[in-house]
């Protein structure tokens, strides 16, 4: 058991990456570049696609969920920033878990991050394809339906006789060897192009990303300004048409809108001053994007009834309903640009995590090879392209969306918990961080604050929702699966209150951990089942390869 929980020292981790035995990546990124990479990763599929399902589920009250998610991500971003300041090495949450929890947790989080970056990009590729196809239609260029939809969606459309595009694809698709040829060609092409760009280097990716961020921010501001003229405040009533349960029902879609700011931390070894610039880049991008999301959600739900927003392209839908045809073209351009930049950042992040895992012996050595000319993890980048590209042929959007969100939340929980477990720094180290402008989470003793917060929150819930606790503790066959996660969350709050009182835990990472755990209670049971299967596959790989080849074990 001790072997499973062996931890890397902070100094060994810093020496191994960046300026040590594995130096070689180009250090070209500044605070502005990192902030723009964060915005590029956050404003994408969540803005132009997932926001529609969130508004459909929660109505105008979905802004509350955006605020809750922003708070949870804000606490988490500060924890990432703390780690980035103390361990300025590529690998994101994987590296941080190795330093704080040990090898088995590091492997689990690295495996979960594959869901965030690689599998998340599958959803983005599908959404990108939808907007790109609409853009082509405005130029009277029509692709056959069997080249613009995934096989699974077409098959479901045929089985249920719903969905014109899917039915047309199934009926008109060519047949080869008894199998219908149906796949999303634009999604495949954009994945190949992004993989090539990332393969070429961080500098080229940075320049391309910055241009796209300027374009999409300008167009989103235009959408908000034009949309504001069509807002009818009557559409904001009722504010929570499906109750708070309806608001929480959009948690996968809303949280998906926020994942990506942590991708900035994977670029540590390509930053000019990672200990100072990485924390700023993550926090700046998160604040900017939260403001954009809240305003955009209010405009969307104000322009039309929330019941009309359950579509894959909500921004285009609202202007189509209002007859503002010239905005349809602009929104399609913005969506294509925004989602391209998201794919770019995610494709940058995943190879660098694999590169770091390979350095530790948990993945084959090939993954840590740096291209001699382009100074990128070339082999890992190509494999990432394949991991994204191949499932495009047999998965659909909804499965990927839920799968990605639960993996990311799990990573966030471990990062916040990892900060709580980091050893305190000496006075000399703290003084050095202060003089060099390195980020540090302000310490606030949670000894009394957190237990009082839990008690007051429970009292408010009981006052505002008198039946909430009674309903939660119903364990009949119909309610057990949906209620068990909330009961586990209650137990966690009680345990953490006791630990906060006994061990004087730091308040900010503690709030980050609890808020992310609360968001996990909104995940469907099917999500947990898929996540469990994914973890089992990962553990099999770890014990067959990683455990035996770990450099810590050999040492």
Protein backbone atom coordinates (compact mmCIF):
# COMPACT_ATOMS: atom_id res chain seq x y z
CA UNK A 1 0.00 0.00 0.00
CA UNK A 2 2.90 2.35 0.73
CA UNK A 3 4.07 1.88 -2.86
CA UNK A 4 0.70 3.11 -4.16
CA UNK A 5 0.88 6.33 -2.13
CA UNK A 6 4.53 7.22 -2.73
CA UNK A 7 4.85 10.97 -3.36
CA UNK A 8 7.27 13.02 -5.42
CA UNK A 9 9.00 15.84 -3.61
CA UNK A 10 8.35 19.36 -4.84
CA UNK A 11 12.05 19.98 -5.51
CA UNK A 12 12.44 16.74 -7.49
CA UNK A 13 9.41 17.64 -9.60
CA UNK A 14 10.73 21.12 -10.40
CA UNK A 15 14.20 19.76 -11.22
CA UNK A 16 12.76 17.09 -13.51
CA UNK A 17 10.62 19.47 -15.56
CA UNK A 18 11.28 22.92 -16.93
CA UNK A 19 14.94 23.64 -16.31
CA UNK A 20 16.10 20.17 -15.34
CA UNK A 21 16.70 16.90 -17.17
CA UNK A 22 13.73 17.37 -19.51
CA UNK A 23 14.18 20.99 -20.57
CA UNK A 24 13.59 21.68 -24.24
CA UNK A 25 10.19 23.35 -24.62
CA UNK A 26 10.18 26.93 -25.91
CA UNK A 27 9.48 29.50 -23.15
CA UNK A 28 7.49 32.08 -25.12
CA UNK A 29 4.22 32.71 -23.20
CA UNK A 30 3.41 35.89 -21.19
CA UNK A 31 0.52 36.80 -18.83
CA UNK A 32 -1.48 38.13 -21.78
CA UNK A 33 -0.92 34.94 -23.77
CA UNK A 34 -1.93 32.73 -20.83
CA UNK A 35 -5.05 34.83 -20.14
CA UNK A 36 -6.01 34.59 -23.80
CA UNK A 37 -5.42 30.83 -23.79
CA UNK A 38 -7.77 30.65 -20.78
CA UNK A 39 -10.45 32.70 -22.54
CA UNK A 40 -9.91 30.62 -25.68
CA UNK A 41 -10.54 27.43 -23.69
CA UNK A 42 -13.53 28.68 -21.67
CA UNK A 43 -15.58 30.60 -24.26
CA UNK A 44 -16.52 27.97 -26.81
CA UNK A 45 -18.91 25.03 -26.72
CA UNK A 46 -20.37 26.20 -23.41
CA UNK A 47 -21.24 29.58 -24.94
CA UNK A 48 -22.51 28.57 -28.35
CA UNK A 49 -24.05 25.18 -27.59
CA UNK A 50 -24.32 23.93 -23.99
CA UNK A 51 -25.79 27.23 -22.72
CA UNK A 52 -29.03 26.45 -24.59
CA UNK A 53 -29.68 23.19 -22.72
CA UNK A 54 -28.80 24.88 -19.42
CA UNK A 55 -31.34 27.69 -20.03
CA UNK A 56 -33.96 25.15 -21.16
CA UNK A 57 -33.52 23.20 -17.91
CA UNK A 58 -33.28 26.08 -15.42
CA UNK A 59 -34.96 29.04 -17.13
CA UNK A 60 -33.64 32.52 -16.30
CA UNK A 61 -32.60 31.15 -12.89
CA UNK A 62 -29.70 29.40 -14.63
CA UNK A 63 -27.65 32.55 -13.89
CA UNK A 64 -27.60 31.34 -10.26
CA UNK A 65 -25.95 28.13 -11.42
CA UNK A 66 -23.42 30.10 -13.46
CA UNK A 67 -22.57 32.08 -10.33
CA UNK A 68 -22.31 28.89 -8.21
CA UNK A 69 -20.04 27.28 -10.80
CA UNK A 70 -17.98 30.47 -11.06
CA UNK A 71 -17.50 30.52 -7.28
CA UNK A 72 -16.51 26.84 -7.25
CA UNK A 73 -14.12 27.42 -10.16
CA UNK A 74 -12.81 30.59 -8.51
CA UNK A 75 -11.81 28.71 -5.36
CA UNK A 76 -10.39 25.93 -7.54
CA UNK A 77 -8.49 28.42 -9.72
CA UNK A 78 -6.81 29.80 -6.61
CA UNK A 79 -5.79 26.26 -5.67
CA UNK A 80 -4.41 25.67 -9.15
CA UNK A 81 -2.61 29.00 -8.87
CA UNK A 82 -1.08 27.96 -5.54
CA UNK A 83 0.19 24.74 -7.08
CA UNK A 84 1.40 26.53 -10.22
CA UNK A 85 3.38 28.92 -8.03
CA UNK A 86 4.95 26.16 -5.95
CA UNK A 87 5.31 23.51 -8.68
CA UNK A 88 5.77 25.36 -12.02
CA UNK A 89 5.86 22.19 -14.15
CA UNK A 90 3.62 20.86 -16.95
CA UNK A 91 1.07 18.21 -16.03
CA UNK A 92 -1.68 20.27 -14.40
CA UNK A 93 -3.68 18.42 -11.73
CA UNK A 94 -1.74 15.20 -12.37
CA UNK A 95 1.53 16.78 -11.21
CA UNK A 96 -0.17 18.45 -8.24
CA UNK A 97 -1.77 15.18 -7.11
CA UNK A 98 1.59 13.37 -7.33
CA UNK A 99 3.15 15.92 -5.00
CA UNK A 100 0.30 16.00 -2.48
CA UNK A 101 -1.60 12.65 -2.53
CA UNK A 102 0.73 10.11 -4.08
CA UNK A 103 1.14 8.00 -7.20
CA UNK A 104 -2.20 6.16 -7.36
CA UNK A 105 -4.16 9.40 -7.07
CA UNK A 106 -1.87 11.06 -9.62
CA UNK A 107 -2.61 8.26 -12.06
CA UNK A 108 -6.36 8.48 -11.45
CA UNK A 109 -6.37 12.23 -12.02
CA UNK A 110 -4.21 11.93 -15.13
CA UNK A 111 -6.64 9.34 -16.45
CA UNK A 112 -9.60 11.60 -15.60
CA UNK A 113 -7.95 14.54 -17.41
CA UNK A 114 -8.00 12.51 -20.62
CA UNK A 115 -11.78 12.89 -20.36
CA UNK A 116 -11.54 16.64 -19.93
CA UNK A 117 -9.14 17.41 -22.75
CA UNK A 118 -9.37 14.64 -25.31
CA UNK A 119 -12.96 13.49 -24.93
CA UNK A 120 -14.16 17.06 -24.32
CA UNK A 121 -12.76 17.95 -27.71
CA UNK A 122 -15.04 15.37 -29.35
CA UNK A 123 -18.07 17.38 -28.17
CA UNK A 124 -16.48 20.61 -29.39
CA UNK A 125 -15.74 19.01 -32.77
CA UNK A 126 -19.40 18.00 -33.17
CA UNK A 127 -20.63 21.50 -32.21
CA UNK A 128 -18.06 23.11 -34.50
CA UNK A 129 -19.30 20.96 -37.36
CA UNK A 130 -22.91 22.07 -36.84
CA UNK A 131 -22.08 25.77 -36.99
CA UNK A 132 -19.62 25.30 -39.87
CA UNK A 133 -22.25 23.44 -41.89
CA UNK A 134 -24.73 26.29 -41.28
CA UNK A 135 -22.06 28.75 -42.41
CA UNK A 136 -21.56 26.81 -45.64
CA UNK A 137 -25.34 26.85 -46.22
CA UNK A 138 -25.30 30.67 -46.24
CA UNK A 139 -22.95 30.42 -49.24
CA UNK A 140 -25.32 27.81 -50.81
CA UNK A 141 -22.77 25.03 -50.29
CA UNK A 142 -24.58 21.86 -49.20
CA UNK A 143 -22.84 18.78 -47.86
CA UNK A 144 -24.78 15.50 -47.95
CA UNK A 145 -26.40 14.71 -44.58
CA UNK A 146 -24.41 11.48 -44.21
CA UNK A 147 -21.24 13.62 -44.06
CA UNK A 148 -22.51 16.08 -41.42
CA UNK A 149 -23.81 13.82 -38.62
CA UNK A 150 -22.34 11.04 -36.50
CA UNK A 151 -23.42 7.44 -37.02
CA UNK A 152 -24.96 7.05 -33.57
CA UNK A 153 -27.25 10.08 -33.94
CA UNK A 154 -28.38 8.99 -37.41
CA UNK A 155 -29.17 5.50 -36.12
CA UNK A 156 -31.19 6.91 -33.20
CA UNK A 157 -33.07 9.26 -35.55
CA UNK A 158 -34.05 6.30 -37.73
CA UNK A 159 -35.11 4.20 -34.72
CA UNK A 160 -37.32 6.96 -33.29
CA UNK A 161 -38.36 8.50 -36.63
CA UNK A 162 -37.33 11.92 -35.26
CA UNK A 163 -34.79 14.35 -36.69
CA UNK A 164 -34.88 15.27 -40.35
CA UNK A 165 -31.09 15.38 -40.77
CA UNK A 166 -30.56 11.99 -39.15
CA UNK A 167 -33.36 10.35 -41.15
CA UNK A 168 -32.03 11.77 -44.41
CA UNK A 169 -28.50 10.61 -43.56
CA UNK A 170 -29.66 7.06 -42.76
CA UNK A 171 -31.76 6.75 -45.90
CA UNK A 172 -29.29 8.28 -48.37
CA UNK A 173 -25.97 7.02 -47.00
CA UNK A 174 -23.88 4.82 -49.30
CA UNK A 175 -23.38 1.23 -48.15
CA UNK A 176 -20.00 -0.50 -48.11
CA UNK A 177 -19.71 -4.12 -47.03
CA UNK A 178 -23.19 -4.01 -45.52
CA UNK A 179 -22.33 -0.97 -43.35
CA UNK A 180 -23.80 2.48 -43.94
CA UNK A 181 -21.09 5.13 -44.42
CA UNK A 182 -22.14 7.93 -42.05
CA UNK A 183 -19.64 10.21 -40.30
CA UNK A 184 -19.14 13.88 -39.46
CA UNK A 185 -16.60 14.99 -42.07
CA UNK A 186 -16.14 18.63 -40.85
CA UNK A 187 -15.48 17.36 -37.30
CA UNK A 188 -12.79 14.99 -38.59
CA UNK A 189 -11.14 17.70 -40.71
CA UNK A 190 -10.97 20.30 -37.92
CA UNK A 191 -9.39 17.73 -35.60
CA UNK A 192 -6.67 16.97 -38.17
CA UNK A 193 -5.97 20.69 -38.71
CA UNK A 194 -5.76 21.49 -34.98
CA UNK A 195 -3.50 18.49 -34.35
CA UNK A 196 -1.12 19.71 -37.06
CA UNK A 197 -1.04 23.26 -35.64
CA UNK A 198 -0.32 22.04 -32.10
CA UNK A 199 2.36 19.71 -33.48
CA UNK A 200 4.13 22.72 -35.00
CA UNK A 201 4.55 24.55 -31.66
CA UNK A 202 3.26 26.78 -28.85
CA UNK A 203 4.32 30.02 -30.52
CA UNK A 204 2.30 29.33 -33.68
CA UNK A 205 -0.64 28.16 -31.56
CA UNK A 206 -0.40 31.29 -29.41
CA UNK A 207 -0.55 33.68 -32.38
CA UNK A 208 -3.50 31.84 -33.90
CA UNK A 209 -5.32 31.65 -30.54
CA UNK A 210 -4.89 35.36 -29.73
CA UNK A 211 -6.37 36.41 -33.07
CA UNK A 212 -9.38 34.13 -32.53
CA UNK A 213 -9.95 35.45 -28.99
CA UNK A 214 -10.12 39.05 -30.26
CA UNK A 215 -12.63 38.05 -32.95
CA UNK A 216 -14.95 36.03 -30.72
CA UNK A 217 -14.98 38.56 -27.85
CA UNK A 218 -15.89 41.32 -30.32
CA UNK A 219 -18.72 39.25 -31.80
CA UNK A 220 -20.07 38.19 -28.38
CA UNK A 221 -20.20 41.86 -27.33
CA UNK A 222 -22.12 42.54 -30.56
CA UNK A 223 -24.54 39.67 -29.78
CA UNK A 224 -25.19 41.10 -26.31
CA UNK A 225 -25.72 44.66 -27.59
CA UNK A 226 -28.06 43.65 -30.43
CA UNK A 227 -29.88 41.09 -28.28
CA UNK A 228 -30.47 43.67 -25.51
CA UNK A 229 -32.82 45.58 -27.85
CA UNK A 230 -35.05 42.49 -28.12
CA UNK A 231 -35.20 41.63 -24.40
CA UNK A 232 -38.70 41.33 -22.94
CA UNK A 233 -38.49 41.26 -19.13
CA UNK A 234 -41.72 39.21 -19.01
CA UNK A 235 -39.62 36.26 -20.23
CA UNK A 236 -37.74 36.37 -16.92
CA UNK A 237 -40.93 35.38 -15.10
CA UNK A 238 -41.06 32.81 -13.57
CA UNK A 239 -37.38 33.07 -12.70
CA UNK A 240 -37.03 29.37 -11.83
CA UNK A 241 -39.87 27.67 -13.76
CA UNK A 242 -38.66 24.15 -12.88
CA UNK A 243 -37.58 25.00 -9.34
CA UNK A 244 -34.06 24.80 -8.02
CA UNK A 245 -33.92 21.16 -9.14
CA UNK A 246 -34.36 22.38 -12.71
CA UNK A 247 -31.54 24.88 -12.24
CA UNK A 248 -29.23 22.12 -10.91
CA UNK A 249 -30.33 19.90 -13.79
CA UNK A 250 -28.18 22.05 -16.07
CA UNK A 251 -25.01 21.49 -14.04
CA UNK A 252 -23.29 19.35 -16.70
CA UNK A 253 -23.96 21.93 -19.41
CA UNK A 254 -23.01 24.93 -17.24
CA UNK A 255 -19.91 23.37 -15.76
CA UNK A 256 -18.80 22.32 -19.23
CA UNK A 257 -18.76 26.04 -20.03
CA UNK A 258 -16.09 26.60 -17.38
CA UNK A 259 -13.72 23.71 -17.91
CA UNK A 260 -10.60 24.77 -19.66
CA UNK A 261 -9.12 27.44 -17.41
CA UNK A 262 -7.00 24.70 -15.85
CA UNK A 263 -5.55 23.95 -19.29
CA UNK A 264 -3.43 27.06 -18.75
CA UNK A 265 -1.52 25.20 -16.03
CA UNK A 266 -0.35 22.57 -18.55
CA UNK A 267 1.66 25.32 -20.30
CA UNK A 268 3.93 25.93 -17.30
CA UNK A 269 7.14 24.93 -19.05
CA UNK A 270 6.41 27.21 -22.02
CA UNK A 271 5.77 30.27 -19.82
CA UNK A 272 8.44 32.92 -19.37
CA UNK A 273 7.71 33.32 -15.64
CA UNK A 274 5.27 30.51 -14.67
CA UNK A 275 5.27 31.10 -10.90
CA UNK A 276 4.05 34.67 -11.40
CA UNK A 277 2.17 34.52 -14.71
CA UNK A 278 0.23 31.22 -14.55
CA UNK A 279 -1.91 32.20 -11.53
CA UNK A 280 -2.73 35.57 -13.08
CA UNK A 281 -3.64 33.99 -16.43
CA UNK A 282 -6.07 31.51 -14.83
CA UNK A 283 -7.80 34.00 -12.55
CA UNK A 284 -8.06 36.82 -15.12
CA UNK A 285 -9.59 34.52 -17.74
CA UNK A 286 -12.09 33.07 -15.25
CA UNK A 287 -13.35 36.50 -14.12
CA UNK A 288 -13.74 37.81 -17.69
CA UNK A 289 -15.63 34.71 -18.85
CA UNK A 290 -17.97 34.63 -15.82
CA UNK A 291 -19.16 38.17 -16.54
CA UNK A 292 -19.71 37.25 -20.21
CA UNK A 293 -21.70 34.10 -19.32
CA UNK A 294 -24.06 35.80 -16.86
CA UNK A 295 -24.88 38.67 -19.23
CA UNK A 296 -25.31 36.28 -22.15
CA UNK A 297 -27.66 33.98 -20.18
CA UNK A 298 -29.83 36.97 -19.19
CA UNK A 299 -30.00 38.18 -22.80
CA UNK A 300 -30.89 34.71 -24.11
CA UNK A 301 -33.68 34.08 -21.61
CA UNK A 302 -34.90 37.66 -22.03
CA UNK A 303 -35.20 37.52 -25.82
CA UNK A 304 -37.32 34.34 -26.01
CA UNK A 305 -39.01 31.90 -23.65
CA UNK A 306 -36.59 29.46 -22.03
CA UNK A 307 -38.70 26.64 -23.54
CA UNK A 308 -37.37 27.49 -27.01
CA UNK A 309 -33.69 27.24 -26.07
CA UNK A 310 -33.22 23.46 -25.88
CA UNK A 311 -31.28 23.39 -29.16
CA UNK A 312 -27.65 22.80 -30.12
CA UNK A 313 -27.21 26.31 -31.58
CA UNK A 314 -29.12 28.65 -29.19
CA UNK A 315 -27.47 31.91 -30.28
CA UNK A 316 -28.42 31.30 -33.89
CA UNK A 317 -31.91 30.15 -32.82
CA UNK A 318 -32.83 33.34 -30.92
CA UNK A 319 -31.95 35.60 -33.84
CA UNK A 320 -33.76 33.29 -36.27
CA UNK A 321 -36.89 33.51 -34.09
CA UNK A 322 -36.60 37.31 -33.99
CA UNK A 323 -36.03 37.52 -37.75
CA UNK A 324 -32.58 39.15 -37.45
CA UNK A 325 -31.09 37.19 -40.33
CA UNK A 326 -27.87 39.19 -40.66
CA UNK A 327 -26.90 38.12 -37.13
CA UNK A 328 -27.19 34.44 -38.05
CA UNK A 329 -24.17 34.77 -40.32
CA UNK A 330 -22.13 36.62 -37.67
CA UNK A 331 -23.04 34.14 -34.91
CA UNK A 332 -22.00 31.21 -37.12
CA UNK A 333 -18.60 32.86 -37.76
CA UNK A 334 -18.16 33.53 -34.02
CA UNK A 335 -19.05 29.94 -33.12
CA UNK A 336 -16.62 28.48 -35.64
CA UNK A 337 -13.83 30.75 -34.39
CA UNK A 338 -14.63 30.18 -30.69
CA UNK A 339 -14.77 26.40 -30.91
CA UNK A 340 -11.61 26.27 -32.99
CA UNK A 341 -9.75 28.09 -30.22
CA UNK A 342 -11.15 25.72 -27.56
CA UNK A 343 -9.99 22.68 -29.50
CA UNK A 344 -6.59 24.30 -29.89
CA UNK A 345 -6.07 24.80 -26.15
CA UNK A 346 -7.38 21.34 -25.23
CA UNK A 347 -5.15 19.72 -27.86
CA UNK A 348 -2.23 21.67 -26.35
CA UNK A 349 -3.05 20.45 -22.84
CA UNK A 350 -3.43 16.69 -23.24
CA UNK A 351 -0.03 15.88 -24.81
CA UNK A 352 1.74 17.80 -22.06
CA UNK A 353 -0.02 15.74 -19.38
CA UNK A 354 0.99 12.53 -21.12
CA UNK A 355 4.51 13.91 -21.49
CA UNK A 356 4.73 14.48 -17.73
CA UNK A 357 3.28 11.03 -16.92
CA UNK A 358 5.83 9.49 -19.27
CA UNK A 359 8.69 11.28 -17.48
CA UNK A 360 7.54 9.56 -14.29
CA UNK A 361 7.51 6.14 -15.95
CA UNK A 362 3.71 5.77 -15.78
CA UNK A 363 3.40 5.98 -19.59
CA UNK A 364 5.79 4.65 -22.28
CA UNK A 365 8.92 6.77 -22.86
CA UNK A 366 7.78 7.66 -26.38
CA UNK A 367 5.20 10.08 -24.94
CA UNK A 368 7.90 12.32 -23.43
CA UNK A 369 9.95 12.70 -26.60
CA UNK A 370 10.37 16.34 -27.69
CA UNK A 371 10.41 17.06 -31.42
CA UNK A 372 13.94 18.30 -32.28
CA UNK A 373 12.71 21.02 -34.65
CA UNK A 374 9.33 22.17 -33.29
CA UNK A 375 10.14 21.69 -29.55
CA UNK A 376 6.76 20.03 -28.84
CA UNK A 377 5.82 16.57 -27.47
CA UNK A 378 5.31 15.34 -31.04
CA UNK A 379 4.31 11.70 -30.51
CA UNK A 380 1.91 12.54 -27.66
CA UNK A 381 0.31 15.23 -29.86
CA UNK A 382 -0.36 12.73 -32.67
CA UNK A 383 -1.85 10.20 -30.24
CA UNK A 384 -4.10 12.93 -28.80
CA UNK A 385 -5.34 13.65 -32.32
CA UNK A 386 -6.19 9.96 -32.75
CA UNK A 387 -7.93 9.75 -29.35
CA UNK A 388 -10.14 12.68 -30.38
CA UNK A 389 -10.56 11.68 -34.01
CA UNK A 390 -11.50 8.00 -33.84
CA UNK A 391 -14.48 8.30 -31.40
CA UNK A 392 -15.98 10.98 -33.68
CA UNK A 393 -17.05 8.07 -35.88
CA UNK A 394 -19.13 6.23 -33.23
CA UNK A 395 -20.12 8.54 -30.32
CA UNK A 396 -22.67 11.36 -29.95
CA UNK A 397 -22.70 14.76 -28.23
CA UNK A 398 -24.78 14.10 -25.09
CA UNK A 399 -22.73 11.14 -23.85
CA UNK A 400 -19.49 13.10 -24.29
CA UNK A 401 -20.80 16.23 -22.50
CA UNK A 402 -21.76 14.45 -19.27
CA UNK A 403 -18.67 12.25 -19.35
CA UNK A 404 -16.34 15.24 -19.59
CA UNK A 405 -17.93 17.30 -16.81
CA UNK A 406 -17.78 14.58 -14.16
CA UNK A 407 -14.11 13.83 -14.90
CA UNK A 408 -13.18 17.50 -14.64
CA UNK A 409 -15.04 18.03 -11.36
CA UNK A 410 -13.28 15.00 -9.93
CA UNK A 411 -9.94 16.55 -10.91
CA UNK A 412 -10.91 19.85 -9.29
CA UNK A 413 -11.83 18.10 -6.02
CA UNK A 414 -8.39 16.49 -5.83
CA UNK A 415 -6.59 19.78 -6.60
CA UNK A 416 -8.43 21.57 -3.77
CA UNK A 417 -7.81 18.64 -1.44
CA UNK A 418 -4.16 18.60 -2.51
CA UNK A 419 -3.63 22.19 -1.40
CA UNK A 420 -5.02 21.26 2.03
CA UNK A 421 -2.44 18.46 2.24
CA UNK A 422 0.60 20.46 1.05
CA UNK A 423 3.23 20.88 3.72
CA UNK A 424 3.53 24.45 5.10
CA UNK A 425 6.37 26.52 3.69
CA UNK A 426 9.12 28.00 5.79
CA UNK A 427 9.31 31.72 6.51
CA UNK A 428 12.23 32.01 4.05
CA UNK A 429 10.20 30.39 1.25
CA UNK A 430 7.20 32.61 1.94
CA UNK A 431 9.40 35.70 1.92
CA UNK A 432 10.96 34.65 -1.42
CA UNK A 433 7.49 34.16 -2.96
CA UNK A 434 6.42 37.60 -1.77
CA UNK A 435 9.50 39.40 -3.11
CA UNK A 436 9.30 37.70 -6.53
CA UNK A 437 5.57 38.32 -6.95
CA UNK A 438 4.65 34.62 -6.83
CA UNK A 439 1.02 33.83 -6.04
CA UNK A 440 0.03 32.60 -2.59
CA UNK A 441 -3.45 31.71 -1.31
CA UNK A 442 -4.22 33.94 1.67
CA UNK A 443 -4.59 31.77 4.77
CA UNK A 444 -7.92 32.13 6.55
CA UNK A 445 -8.44 29.81 9.52
CA UNK A 446 -11.64 27.78 8.99
CA UNK A 447 -11.74 26.47 12.59
CA UNK A 448 -14.99 28.25 13.43
CA UNK A 449 -15.99 29.82 10.09
CA UNK A 450 -16.64 26.59 8.15
CA UNK A 451 -18.69 24.73 10.82
CA UNK A 452 -20.82 27.88 11.34
CA UNK A 453 -21.21 28.19 7.55
CA UNK A 454 -22.47 24.58 7.33
CA UNK A 455 -24.94 25.03 10.21
CA UNK A 456 -26.30 28.33 8.84
CA UNK A 457 -26.63 26.87 5.32
CA UNK A 458 -28.57 23.88 6.66
CA UNK A 459 -30.88 26.21 8.60
CA UNK A 460 -31.55 28.39 5.54
CA UNK A 461 -32.31 25.34 3.39
CA UNK A 462 -34.74 24.02 5.98
CA UNK A 463 -36.43 27.44 6.19
CA UNK A 464 -36.64 28.07 2.43
CA UNK A 465 -37.30 24.46 1.34
CA UNK A 466 -39.06 22.74 4.27
CA UNK A 467 -39.30 19.33 2.54
CA UNK A 468 -35.74 19.23 1.18
CA UNK A 469 -34.11 17.11 3.91
CA UNK A 470 -37.13 14.81 4.23
CA UNK A 471 -37.12 14.20 0.48
CA UNK A 472 -33.35 13.66 0.39
CA UNK A 473 -33.45 10.91 3.00
CA UNK A 474 -36.07 8.90 1.13
CA UNK A 475 -34.39 5.65 0.14
CA UNK A 476 -37.18 3.92 -1.72
CA UNK A 477 -36.29 2.19 -4.96
CA UNK A 478 -37.29 5.25 -7.00
CA UNK A 479 -35.25 7.75 -4.97
CA UNK A 480 -32.18 5.83 -3.78
CA UNK A 481 -29.98 6.36 -6.84
CA UNK A 482 -30.66 10.10 -7.09
CA UNK A 483 -30.47 10.83 -3.32
CA UNK A 484 -27.41 8.84 -2.31
CA UNK A 485 -24.93 11.39 -3.73
CA UNK A 486 -26.54 14.21 -1.71
CA UNK A 487 -26.42 12.11 1.49
CA UNK A 488 -22.71 11.44 0.88
CA UNK A 489 -22.26 15.19 0.42
CA UNK A 490 -23.91 15.86 3.81
CA UNK A 491 -21.56 13.36 5.46
CA UNK A 492 -18.58 15.04 3.76
CA UNK A 493 -19.64 18.44 5.12
CA UNK A 494 -19.87 17.06 8.67
CA UNK A 495 -16.46 15.35 8.40
CA UNK A 496 -14.77 18.43 6.92
CA UNK A 497 -16.33 20.62 9.65
CA UNK A 498 -14.73 18.38 12.27
CA UNK A 499 -11.36 18.42 10.48
CA UNK A 500 -11.53 22.20 10.05
CA UNK A 501 -12.08 22.59 13.81
CA UNK A 502 -9.34 20.12 14.78
CA UNK A 503 -6.66 20.93 12.18
CA UNK A 504 -7.30 24.65 11.45
CA UNK A 505 -7.63 24.01 7.71
CA UNK A 506 -7.25 26.82 5.17
CA UNK A 507 -10.72 28.16 4.28
CA UNK A 508 -10.34 28.86 0.52
CA UNK A 509 -9.25 25.37 -0.64
CA UNK A 510 -11.79 23.87 1.78
CA UNK A 511 -14.61 25.87 0.17
CA UNK A 512 -13.30 24.88 -3.27
CA UNK A 513 -13.41 21.20 -2.35
CA UNK A 514 -16.92 21.37 -0.88
CA UNK A 515 -18.40 23.47 -3.70
CA UNK A 516 -17.03 21.10 -6.38
CA UNK A 517 -18.36 18.10 -4.44
CA UNK A 518 -21.77 19.81 -4.34
CA UNK A 519 -21.74 20.18 -8.13
CA UNK A 520 -21.00 16.45 -8.39
CA UNK A 521 -24.34 15.73 -6.69
CA UNK A 522 -26.07 17.10 -9.79
CA UNK A 523 -24.60 14.38 -12.02
CA UNK A 524 -26.91 11.63 -13.23
CA UNK A 525 -26.44 8.02 -12.08
CA UNK A 526 -25.54 6.99 -15.63
CA UNK A 527 -22.65 9.48 -15.54
CA UNK A 528 -21.26 7.83 -12.41
CA UNK A 529 -21.53 4.39 -14.02
CA UNK A 530 -19.58 5.47 -17.10
CA UNK A 531 -17.03 7.24 -14.89
CA UNK A 532 -16.61 4.08 -12.81
CA UNK A 533 -16.00 1.98 -15.93
CA UNK A 534 -13.46 4.53 -17.16
CA UNK A 535 -11.58 4.45 -13.83
CA UNK A 536 -11.48 0.64 -13.80
CA UNK A 537 -9.96 0.60 -17.30
CA UNK A 538 -7.38 3.16 -16.12
CA UNK A 539 -6.47 1.16 -13.01
CA UNK A 540 -5.98 -1.99 -15.10
CA UNK A 541 -3.52 -0.07 -17.30
CA UNK A 542 -1.75 1.35 -14.23
CA UNK A 543 -1.19 -2.02 -12.54
CA UNK A 544 -0.16 -3.67 -15.82
CA UNK A 545 2.34 -0.96 -16.81
CA UNK A 546 2.61 2.18 -14.67
CA UNK A 547 3.08 0.50 -11.27
CA UNK A 548 5.96 -1.64 -12.53
CA UNK A 549 7.73 1.08 -14.50
CA UNK A 550 7.32 3.99 -12.07
CA UNK A 551 10.62 5.81 -11.63
CA UNK A 552 9.85 6.33 -7.93
CA UNK A 553 9.51 2.56 -7.53
CA UNK A 554 12.79 1.93 -9.32
CA UNK A 555 14.50 4.58 -7.22
